[in-house]
PDB file of N, CA and C in Angstrom:
ATOM      1  N   MET A   1     200.137  70.650 212.018  1.00  0.00           N
ATOM      2  CA  MET A   1     199.143  69.708 212.478  1.00  0.00           C
ATOM      3  C   MET A   1     198.054  70.492 213.199  1.00  0.00           C
ATOM      4  N   LYS A   2     196.819  70.117 212.950  1.00  0.00           N
ATOM      5  CA  LYS A   2     195.686  70.749 213.621  1.00  0.00           C
ATOM      6  C   LYS A   2     194.947  69.695 214.429  1.00  0.00           C
ATOM      7  N   LEU A   3     194.640  70.030 215.676  1.00  0.00           N
ATOM      8  CA  LEU A   3     193.904  69.139 216.568  1.00  0.00           C
ATOM      9  C   LEU A   3     192.605  69.803 216.983  1.00  0.00           C
ATOM     10  N   ARG A   4     191.539  69.036 217.016  1.00  0.00           N
ATOM     11  CA  ARG A   4     190.249  69.519 217.500  1.00  0.00           C
ATOM     12  C   ARG A   4     189.639  68.442 218.379  1.00  0.00           C
ATOM     13  N   THR A   5     189.001  68.867 219.453  1.00  0.00           N
ATOM     14  CA  THR A   5     188.279  67.922 220.303  1.00  0.00           C
ATOM     15  C   THR A   5     186.831  68.362 220.397  1.00  0.00           C
ATOM     16  N   LYS A   6     185.967  67.381 220.498  1.00  0.00           N
ATOM     17  CA  LYS A   6     184.541  67.642 220.654  1.00  0.00           C
ATOM     18  C   LYS A   6     184.033  66.702 221.737  1.00  0.00           C
ATOM     19  N   ARG A   7     183.379  67.282 222.735  1.00  0.00           N
ATOM     20  CA  ARG A   7     182.848  66.450 223.817  1.00  0.00           C
ATOM     21  C   ARG A   7     181.641  65.665 223.343  1.00  0.00           C
ATOM     22  N   LEU A   8     181.606  64.412 223.747  1.00  0.00           N
ATOM     23  CA  LEU A   8     180.487  63.520 223.462  1.00  0.00           C
ATOM     24  C   LEU A   8     179.882  63.083 224.785  1.00  0.00           C
ATOM     25  N   ASP A   9     178.788  62.343 224.742  1.00  0.00           N
ATOM     26  CA  ASP A   9     178.170  61.845 225.972  1.00  0.00           C
ATOM     27  C   ASP A   9     179.136  60.999 226.786  1.00  0.00           C
ATOM     28  N   HIS A  10     179.916  60.181 226.092  1.00  0.00           N
ATOM     29  CA  HIS A  10     180.859  59.290 226.781  1.00  0.00           C
ATOM     30  C   HIS A  10     182.249  59.498 226.192  1.00  0.00           C
ATOM     31  N   GLY A  11     182.966  60.523 226.628  1.00  0.00           N
ATOM     32  CA  GLY A  11     184.315  60.792 226.152  1.00  0.00           C
ATOM     33  C   GLY A  11     184.356  61.945 225.179  1.00  0.00           C
ATOM     34  N   ILE A  12     185.304  61.859 224.227  1.00  0.00           N
ATOM     35  CA  ILE A  12     185.478  62.927 223.242  1.00  0.00           C
ATOM     36  C   ILE A  12     185.730  62.334 221.865  1.00  0.00           C
ATOM     37  N   GLU A  13     185.598  63.191 220.868  1.00  0.00           N
ATOM     38  CA  GLU A  13     186.046  62.861 219.520  1.00  0.00           C
ATOM     39  C   GLU A  13     187.264  63.724 219.246  1.00  0.00           C
ATOM     40  N   LEU A  14     188.353  63.107 218.846  1.00  0.00           N
ATOM     41  CA  LEU A  14     189.596  63.799 218.517  1.00  0.00           C
ATOM     42  C   LEU A  14     189.757  63.790 217.004  1.00  0.00           C
ATOM     43  N   LYS A  15     189.942  64.974 216.419  1.00  0.00           N
ATOM     44  CA  LYS A  15     190.164  65.092 214.978  1.00  0.00           C
ATOM     45  C   LYS A  15     191.568  65.626 214.760  1.00  0.00           C
ATOM     46  N   ILE A  16     192.289  65.000 213.829  1.00  0.00           N
ATOM     47  CA  ILE A  16     193.683  65.343 213.562  1.00  0.00           C
ATOM     48  C   ILE A  16     193.845  65.568 212.063  1.00  0.00           C
ATOM     49  N   LEU A  17     194.442  66.702 211.686  1.00  0.00           N
ATOM     50  CA  LEU A  17     194.774  66.983 210.293  1.00  0.00           C
ATOM     51  C   LEU A  17     196.272  67.257 210.233  1.00  0.00           C
ATOM     52  N   ILE A  18     196.990  66.482 209.439  1.00  0.00           N
ATOM     53  CA  ILE A  18     198.439  66.595 209.349  1.00  0.00           C
ATOM     54  C   ILE A  18     198.819  67.077 207.955  1.00  0.00           C
ATOM     55  N   ASP A  19     199.640  68.121 207.888  1.00  0.00           N
ATOM     56  CA  ASP A  19     200.146  68.643 206.621  1.00  0.00           C
ATOM     57  C   ASP A  19     201.392  67.836 206.247  1.00  0.00           C
ATOM     58  N   HIS A  20     201.243  66.901 205.288  1.00  0.00           N
ATOM     59  CA  HIS A  20     202.356  66.029 204.914  1.00  0.00           C
ATOM     60  C   HIS A  20     202.152  65.548 203.473  1.00  0.00           C
ATOM     61  N   PRO A  21     203.225  65.473 202.660  1.00  0.00           N
ATOM     62  CA  PRO A  21     203.067  65.089 201.243  1.00  0.00           C
ATOM     63  C   PRO A  21     202.687  63.633 200.999  1.00  0.00           C
ATOM     64  N   MET A  22     203.070  62.719 201.882  1.00  0.00           N
ATOM     65  CA  MET A  22     202.714  61.296 201.772  1.00  0.00           C
ATOM     66  C   MET A  22     203.005  60.735 200.373  1.00  0.00           C
ATOM     67  N   GLU A  23     204.248  60.761 199.964  1.00  0.00           N
ATOM     68  CA  GLU A  23     204.676  60.204 198.680  1.00  0.00           C
ATOM     69  C   GLU A  23     204.973  58.718 198.821  1.00  0.00           C
ATOM     70  N   THR A  24     204.520  57.914 197.874  1.00  0.00           N
ATOM     71  CA  THR A  24     204.686  56.462 197.933  1.00  0.00           C
ATOM     72  C   THR A  24     206.057  55.994 197.466  1.00  0.00           C
ATOM     73  N   GLY A  25     206.736  56.811 196.672  1.00  0.00           N
ATOM     74  CA  GLY A  25     207.995  56.386 196.074  1.00  0.00           C
ATOM     75  C   GLY A  25     207.792  55.724 194.723  1.00  0.00           C
ATOM     76  N   ARG A  26     206.563  55.736 194.228  1.00  0.00           N
ATOM     77  CA  ARG A  26     206.249  55.106 192.938  1.00  0.00           C
ATOM     78  C   ARG A  26     205.845  56.114 191.865  1.00  0.00           C
ATOM     79  N   ARG A  27     205.521  57.337 192.284  1.00  0.00           N
ATOM     80  CA  ARG A  27     205.058  58.347 191.333  1.00  0.00           C
ATOM     81  C   ARG A  27     206.240  58.968 190.589  1.00  0.00           C
ATOM     82  N   ARG A  28     206.061  59.250 189.327  1.00  0.00           N
ATOM     83  CA  ARG A  28     207.099  59.912 188.528  1.00  0.00           C
ATOM     84  C   ARG A  28     206.783  61.402 188.410  1.00  0.00           C
ATOM     85  N   ASP A  29     207.817  62.212 188.536  1.00  0.00           N
ATOM     86  CA  ASP A  29     207.683  63.653 188.342  1.00  0.00           C
ATOM     87  C   ASP A  29     207.440  63.904 186.859  1.00  0.00           C
ATOM     88  N   GLU A  30     206.404  64.663 186.537  1.00  0.00           N
ATOM     89  CA  GLU A  30     206.048  64.895 185.135  1.00  0.00           C
ATOM     90  C   GLU A  30     207.116  65.666 184.385  1.00  0.00           C
ATOM     91  N   ALA A  31     207.751  66.619 185.052  1.00  0.00           N
ATOM     92  CA  ALA A  31     208.739  67.459 184.380  1.00  0.00           C
ATOM     93  C   ALA A  31     210.042  66.712 184.108  1.00  0.00           C
ATOM     94  N   SER A  32     210.559  66.000 185.103  1.00  0.00           N
ATOM     95  CA  SER A  32     211.868  65.347 184.947  1.00  0.00           C
ATOM     96  C   SER A  32     211.771  63.877 184.546  1.00  0.00           C
ATOM     97  N   GLY A  33     210.650  63.230 184.822  1.00  0.00           N
ATOM     98  CA  GLY A  33     210.505  61.814 184.539  1.00  0.00           C
ATOM     99  C   GLY A  33     211.121  60.923 185.608  1.00  0.00           C
ATOM    100  N   LEU A  34     211.726  61.538 186.638  1.00  0.00           N
ATOM    101  CA  LEU A  34     212.342  60.779 187.720  1.00  0.00           C
ATOM    102  C   LEU A  34     211.308  60.379 188.767  1.00  0.00           C
ATOM    103  N   THR A  35     211.570  59.278 189.446  1.00  0.00           N
ATOM    104  CA  THR A  35     210.690  58.826 190.516  1.00  0.00           C
ATOM    105  C   THR A  35     210.822  59.751 191.721  1.00  0.00           C
ATOM    106  N   VAL A  36     209.688  60.167 192.260  1.00  0.00           N
ATOM    107  CA  VAL A  36     209.683  61.005 193.469  1.00  0.00           C
ATOM    108  C   VAL A  36     209.971  60.090 194.653  1.00  0.00           C
ATOM    109  N   PRO A  37     211.001  60.406 195.471  1.00  0.00           N
ATOM    110  CA  PRO A  37     211.348  59.533 196.598  1.00  0.00           C
ATOM    111  C   PRO A  37     210.206  59.382 197.605  1.00  0.00           C
ATOM    112  N   ALA A  38     210.152  58.222 198.244  1.00  0.00           N
ATOM    113  CA  ALA A  38     209.131  57.956 199.259  1.00  0.00           C
ATOM    114  C   ALA A  38     209.279  58.930 200.422  1.00  0.00           C
ATOM    115  N   HIS A  39     208.142  59.410 200.911  1.00  0.00           N
ATOM    116  CA  HIS A  39     208.095  60.332 202.054  1.00  0.00           C
ATOM    117  C   HIS A  39     206.713  60.183 202.673  1.00  0.00           C
ATOM    118  N   TYR A  40     206.641  59.397 203.741  1.00  0.00           N
ATOM    119  CA  TYR A  40     205.335  59.086 204.328  1.00  0.00           C
ATOM    120  C   TYR A  40     205.453  58.961 205.843  1.00  0.00           C
ATOM    121  N   ILE A  41     204.327  59.113 206.519  1.00  0.00           N
ATOM    122  CA  ILE A  41     204.275  58.984 207.970  1.00  0.00           C
ATOM    123  C   ILE A  41     204.319  57.503 208.327  1.00  0.00           C
ATOM    124  N   ARG A  42     205.240  57.149 209.218  1.00  0.00           N
ATOM    125  CA  ARG A  42     205.386  55.748 209.628  1.00  0.00           C
ATOM    126  C   ARG A  42     204.582  55.420 210.879  1.00  0.00           C
ATOM    127  N   SER A  43     204.515  56.381 211.817  1.00  0.00           N
ATOM    128  CA  SER A  43     203.813  56.078 213.070  1.00  0.00           C
ATOM    129  C   SER A  43     203.066  57.308 213.582  1.00  0.00           C
ATOM    130  N   LEU A  44     201.958  57.039 214.235  1.00  0.00           N
ATOM    131  CA  LEU A  44     201.119  58.062 214.856  1.00  0.00           C
ATOM    132  C   LEU A  44     200.801  57.580 216.266  1.00  0.00           C
ATOM    133  N   THR A  45     201.001  58.466 217.247  1.00  0.00           N
ATOM    134  CA  THR A  45     200.768  58.121 218.649  1.00  0.00           C
ATOM    135  C   THR A  45     199.857  59.168 219.274  1.00  0.00           C
ATOM    136  N   VAL A  46     198.885  58.702 220.049  1.00  0.00           N
ATOM    137  CA  VAL A  46     198.008  59.587 220.815  1.00  0.00           C
ATOM    138  C   VAL A  46     198.142  59.214 222.288  1.00  0.00           C
ATOM    139  N   GLU A  47     198.423  60.229 223.119  1.00  0.00           N
ATOM    140  CA  GLU A  47     198.533  60.030 224.562  1.00  0.00           C
ATOM    141  C   GLU A  47     197.514  60.910 225.270  1.00  0.00           C
ATOM    142  N   VAL A  48     196.913  60.380 226.323  1.00  0.00           N
ATOM    143  CA  VAL A  48     196.013  61.147 227.174  1.00  0.00           C
ATOM    144  C   VAL A  48     196.646  61.174 228.559  1.00  0.00           C
ATOM    145  N   ASN A  49     196.977  62.378 229.024  1.00  0.00           N
ATOM    146  CA  ASN A  49     197.658  62.547 230.318  1.00  0.00           C
ATOM    147  C   ASN A  49     198.893  61.650 230.410  1.00  0.00           C
ATOM    148  N   ALA A  50     199.716  61.670 229.363  1.00  0.00           N
ATOM    149  CA  ALA A  50     200.988  60.936 229.269  1.00  0.00           C
ATOM    150  C   ALA A  50     200.813  59.412 229.232  1.00  0.00           C
ATOM    151  N   ARG A  51     199.603  58.923 228.979  1.00  0.00           N
ATOM    152  CA  ARG A  51     199.344  57.478 228.856  1.00  0.00           C
ATOM    153  C   ARG A  51     198.980  57.191 227.401  1.00  0.00           C
ATOM    154  N   ARG A  52     199.763  56.341 226.739  1.00  0.00           N
ATOM    155  CA  ARG A  52     199.518  56.028 225.335  1.00  0.00           C
ATOM    156  C   ARG A  52     198.196  55.277 225.202  1.00  0.00           C
ATOM    157  N   VAL A  53     197.316  55.805 224.341  1.00  0.00           N
ATOM    158  CA  VAL A  53     196.027  55.166 224.102  1.00  0.00           C
ATOM    159  C   VAL A  53     195.891  54.690 222.659  1.00  0.00           C
ATOM    160  N   ILE A  54     196.687  55.253 221.751  1.00  0.00           N
ATOM    161  CA  ILE A  54     196.667  54.820 220.350  1.00  0.00           C
ATOM    162  C   ILE A  54     198.097  54.808 219.836  1.00  0.00           C
ATOM    163  N   GLN A  55     198.474  53.705 219.188  1.00  0.00           N
ATOM    164  CA  GLN A  55     199.753  53.588 218.491  1.00  0.00           C
ATOM    165  C   GLN A  55     199.438  52.989 217.133  1.00  0.00           C
ATOM    166  N   ALA A  56     199.609  53.781 216.072  1.00  0.00           N
ATOM    167  CA  ALA A  56     199.283  53.311 214.729  1.00  0.00           C
ATOM    168  C   ALA A  56     200.530  53.275 213.866  1.00  0.00           C
ATOM    169  N   ASP A  57     200.752  52.164 213.184  1.00  0.00           N
ATOM    170  CA  ASP A  57     201.820  52.044 212.203  1.00  0.00           C
ATOM    171  C   ASP A  57     201.197  52.289 210.841  1.00  0.00           C
ATOM    172  N   LEU A  58     201.694  53.305 210.141  1.00  0.00           N
ATOM    173  CA  LEU A  58     201.121  53.712 208.861  1.00  0.00           C
ATOM    174  C   LEU A  58     202.074  53.366 207.723  1.00  0.00           C
ATOM    175  N   GLY A  59     201.610  53.549 206.508  1.00  0.00           N
ATOM    176  CA  GLY A  59     202.435  53.250 205.343  1.00  0.00           C
ATOM    177  C   GLY A  59     202.113  54.173 204.193  1.00  0.00           C
ATOM    178  N   THR A  60     202.476  53.742 203.005  1.00  0.00           N
ATOM    179  CA  THR A  60     202.354  54.592 201.818  1.00  0.00           C
ATOM    180  C   THR A  60     200.938  54.721 201.282  1.00  0.00           C
ATOM    181  N   SER A  61     199.999  53.942 201.783  1.00  0.00           N
ATOM    182  CA  SER A  61     198.640  53.973 201.231  1.00  0.00           C
ATOM    183  C   SER A  61     197.773  55.098 201.794  1.00  0.00           C
ATOM    184  N   ILE A  62     198.304  55.887 202.709  1.00  0.00           N
ATOM    185  CA  ILE A  62     197.555  56.999 203.301  1.00  0.00           C
ATOM    186  C   ILE A  62     197.660  58.224 202.385  1.00  0.00           C
ATOM    187  N   ALA A  63     196.567  58.947 202.204  1.00  0.00           N
ATOM    188  CA  ALA A  63     196.513  60.095 201.302  1.00  0.00           C
ATOM    189  C   ALA A  63     197.328  61.289 201.817  1.00  0.00           C
ATOM    190  N   ARG A  64     197.663  62.173 200.908  1.00  0.00           N
ATOM    191  CA  ARG A  64     198.357  63.426 201.248  1.00  0.00           C
ATOM    192  C   ARG A  64     197.518  64.216 202.254  1.00  0.00           C
ATOM    193  N   ASN A  65     198.192  64.903 203.180  1.00  0.00           N
ATOM    194  CA  ASN A  65     197.539  65.685 204.236  1.00  0.00           C
ATOM    195  C   ASN A  65     196.473  64.855 204.951  1.00  0.00           C
ATOM    196  N   PRO A  66     196.895  63.774 205.596  1.00  0.00           N
ATOM    197  CA  PRO A  66     195.920  62.840 206.179  1.00  0.00           C
ATOM    198  C   PRO A  66     195.085  63.433 207.311  1.00  0.00           C
ATOM    199  N   TYR A  67     193.866  62.949 207.373  1.00  0.00           N
ATOM    200  CA  TYR A  67     192.891  63.330 208.400  1.00  0.00           C
ATOM    201  C   TYR A  67     192.516  62.060 209.156  1.00  0.00           C
ATOM    202  N   PHE A  68     192.573  62.141 210.484  1.00  0.00           N
ATOM    203  CA  PHE A  68     192.192  61.021 211.333  1.00  0.00           C
ATOM    204  C   PHE A  68     191.156  61.499 212.341  1.00  0.00           C
ATOM    205  N   ALA A  69     190.250  60.621 212.734  1.00  0.00           N
ATOM    206  CA  ALA A  69     189.280  60.928 213.788  1.00  0.00           C
ATOM    207  C   ALA A  69     189.160  59.701 214.688  1.00  0.00           C
ATOM    208  N   PHE A  70     189.226  59.937 215.993  1.00  0.00           N
ATOM    209  CA  PHE A  70     189.138  58.864 216.983  1.00  0.00           C
ATOM    210  C   PHE A  70     188.152  59.260 218.063  1.00  0.00           C
ATOM    211  N   ARG A  71     187.481  58.282 218.617  1.00  0.00           N
ATOM    212  CA  ARG A  71     186.644  58.506 219.801  1.00  0.00           C
ATOM    213  C   ARG A  71     187.381  57.938 220.998  1.00  0.00           C
ATOM    214  N   LEU A  72     187.561  58.785 222.002  1.00  0.00           N
ATOM    215  CA  LEU A  72     188.293  58.404 223.206  1.00  0.00           C
ATOM    216  C   LEU A  72     187.353  58.477 224.395  1.00  0.00           C
ATOM    217  N   GLY A  73     187.170  57.364 225.087  1.00  0.00           N
ATOM    218  CA  GLY A  73     186.335  57.340 226.271  1.00  0.00           C
ATOM    219  C   GLY A  73     187.102  57.807 227.493  1.00  0.00           C
ATOM    220  N   ASP A  74     186.400  58.066 228.563  1.00  0.00           N
ATOM    221  CA  ASP A  74     187.001  58.443 229.845  1.00  0.00           C
ATOM    222  C   ASP A  74     187.863  59.692 229.778  1.00  0.00           C
ATOM    223  N   CYS A  75     187.580  60.607 228.892  1.00  0.00           N
ATOM    224  CA  CYS A  75     188.291  61.887 228.863  1.00  0.00           C
ATOM    225  C   CYS A  75     187.438  62.927 229.567  1.00  0.00           C
ATOM    226  N   ARG A  76     188.101  63.728 230.365  1.00  0.00           N
ATOM    227  CA  ARG A  76     187.410  64.755 231.139  1.00  0.00           C
ATOM    228  C   ARG A  76     187.935  66.121 230.750  1.00  0.00           C
ATOM    229  N   PRO A  77     187.186  67.177 231.073  1.00  0.00           N
ATOM    230  CA  PRO A  77     187.697  68.522 230.821  1.00  0.00           C
ATOM    231  C   PRO A  77     189.054  68.710 231.487  1.00  0.00           C
ATOM    232  N   GLU A  78     189.931  69.376 230.780  1.00  0.00           N
ATOM    233  CA  GLU A  78     191.304  69.679 231.219  1.00  0.00           C
ATOM    234  C   GLU A  78     192.272  68.518 231.060  1.00  0.00           C
ATOM    235  N   ASP A  79     191.836  67.350 230.580  1.00  0.00           N
ATOM    236  CA  ASP A  79     192.789  66.290 230.261  1.00  0.00           C
ATOM    237  C   ASP A  79     193.695  66.775 229.130  1.00  0.00           C
ATOM    238  N   ARG A  80     194.968  66.368 229.167  1.00  0.00           N
ATOM    239  CA  ARG A  80     195.925  66.753 228.137  1.00  0.00           C
ATOM    240  C   ARG A  80     196.059  65.634 227.114  1.00  0.00           C
ATOM    241  N   ILE A  81     195.904  66.010 225.848  1.00  0.00           N
ATOM    242  CA  ILE A  81     196.040  65.055 224.751  1.00  0.00           C
ATOM    243  C   ILE A  81     197.255  65.466 223.928  1.00  0.00           C
ATOM    244  N   LYS A  82     198.154  64.512 223.705  1.00  0.00           N
ATOM    245  CA  LYS A  82     199.348  64.763 222.905  1.00  0.00           C
ATOM    246  C   LYS A  82     199.322  63.834 221.701  1.00  0.00           C
ATOM    247  N   VAL A  83     199.502  64.415 220.516  1.00  0.00           N
ATOM    248  CA  VAL A  83     199.559  63.652 219.281  1.00  0.00           C
ATOM    249  C   VAL A  83     200.949  63.832 218.685  1.00  0.00           C
ATOM    250  N   SER A  84     201.570  62.719 218.301  1.00  0.00           N
ATOM    251  CA  SER A  84     202.913  62.750 217.709  1.00  0.00           C
ATOM    252  C   SER A  84     202.938  61.867 216.479  1.00  0.00           C
ATOM    253  N   TRP A  85     203.753  62.267 215.492  1.00  0.00           N
ATOM    254  CA  TRP A  85     203.974  61.404 214.333  1.00  0.00           C
ATOM    255  C   TRP A  85     205.444  61.455 213.955  1.00  0.00           C
ATOM    256  N   GLN A  86     205.879  60.419 213.234  1.00  0.00           N
ATOM    257  CA  GLN A  86     207.243  60.356 212.720  1.00  0.00           C
ATOM    258  C   GLN A  86     207.181  59.785 211.315  1.00  0.00           C
ATOM    259  N   ASP A  87     208.000  60.353 210.391  1.00  0.00           N
ATOM    260  CA  ASP A  87     207.977  59.844 209.021  1.00  0.00           C
ATOM    261  C   ASP A  87     209.230  59.040 208.697  1.00  0.00           C
ATOM    262  N   ASN A  88     209.283  58.502 207.490  1.00  0.00           N
ATOM    263  CA  ASN A  88     210.381  57.631 207.085  1.00  0.00           C
ATOM    264  C   ASN A  88     211.687  58.376 206.837  1.00  0.00           C
ATOM    265  N   ARG A  89     211.679  59.689 206.823  1.00  0.00           N
ATOM    266  CA  ARG A  89     212.895  60.473 206.636  1.00  0.00           C
ATOM    267  C   ARG A  89     213.399  61.081 207.942  1.00  0.00           C
ATOM    268  N   GLY A  90     212.813  60.691 209.058  1.00  0.00           N
ATOM    269  CA  GLY A  90     213.244  61.219 210.349  1.00  0.00           C
ATOM    270  C   GLY A  90     212.500  62.467 210.788  1.00  0.00           C
ATOM    271  N   GLY A  91     211.590  62.954 209.969  1.00  0.00           N
ATOM    272  CA  GLY A  91     210.778  64.112 210.345  1.00  0.00           C
ATOM    273  C   GLY A  91     209.757  63.721 211.391  1.00  0.00           C
ATOM    274  N   SER A  92     209.398  64.662 212.238  1.00  0.00           N
ATOM    275  CA  SER A  92     208.412  64.371 213.273  1.00  0.00           C
ATOM    276  C   SER A  92     207.753  65.664 213.732  1.00  0.00           C
ATOM    277  N   GLU A  93     206.645  65.494 214.421  1.00  0.00           N
ATOM    278  CA  GLU A  93     205.936  66.636 215.002  1.00  0.00           C
ATOM    279  C   GLU A  93     205.114  66.123 216.174  1.00  0.00           C
ATOM    280  N   SER A  94     204.986  66.967 217.193  1.00  0.00           N
ATOM    281  CA  SER A  94     204.144  66.682 218.338  1.00  0.00           C
ATOM    282  C   SER A  94     203.349  67.925 218.658  1.00  0.00           C
ATOM    283  N   GLN A  95     202.147  67.715 219.128  1.00  0.00           N
ATOM    284  CA  GLN A  95     201.309  68.841 219.530  1.00  0.00           C
ATOM    285  C   GLN A  95     200.401  68.391 220.662  1.00  0.00           C
ATOM    286  N   GLU A  96     200.141  69.308 221.572  1.00  0.00           N
ATOM    287  CA  GLU A  96     199.260  69.027 222.713  1.00  0.00           C
ATOM    288  C   GLU A  96     198.049  69.938 222.672  1.00  0.00           C
ATOM    289  N   THR A  97     196.960  69.429 223.222  1.00  0.00           N
ATOM    290  CA  THR A  97     195.756  70.221 223.414  1.00  0.00           C
ATOM    291  C   THR A  97     195.088  69.751 224.697  1.00  0.00           C
ATOM    292  N   ARG A  98     194.205  70.553 225.186  1.00  0.00           N
ATOM    293  CA  ARG A  98     193.429  70.186 226.386  1.00  0.00           C
ATOM    294  C   ARG A  98     191.970  69.992 225.972  1.00  0.00           C
ATOM    295  N   VAL A  99     191.330  69.037 226.627  1.00  0.00           N
ATOM    296  CA  VAL A  99     189.906  68.801 226.390  1.00  0.00           C
ATOM    297  C   VAL A  99     189.146  69.970 226.984  1.00  0.00           C
ATOM    298  N   GLU A 100     188.260  70.555 226.201  1.00  0.00           N
ATOM    299  CA  GLU A 100     187.470  71.702 226.668  1.00  0.00           C
ATOM    300  C   GLU A 100     186.170  71.252 227.287  1.00  0.00           C
TER     301      GLU A 100
END
């Protein structure tokens, strides 16, 4: 997962890029003809200084290696931003960054 922050006049812009296959469970493998099992991100959470500011429930309609961008108000330099996700197979990742 890659996180980037950019300061704006009123808050910041947070950009998130997640390396994930995001399979719907409907696609067939060309070589075997078998259905590729579903594998997608179910939830995405953004916290600022341990306070949840975004909770998103996702599904199979999100593209592979999803990119998200959010504008967060009231963020100051040195605030800690934590982004976490969990998928339908129990996989998860969390990463923190500080506002520059």
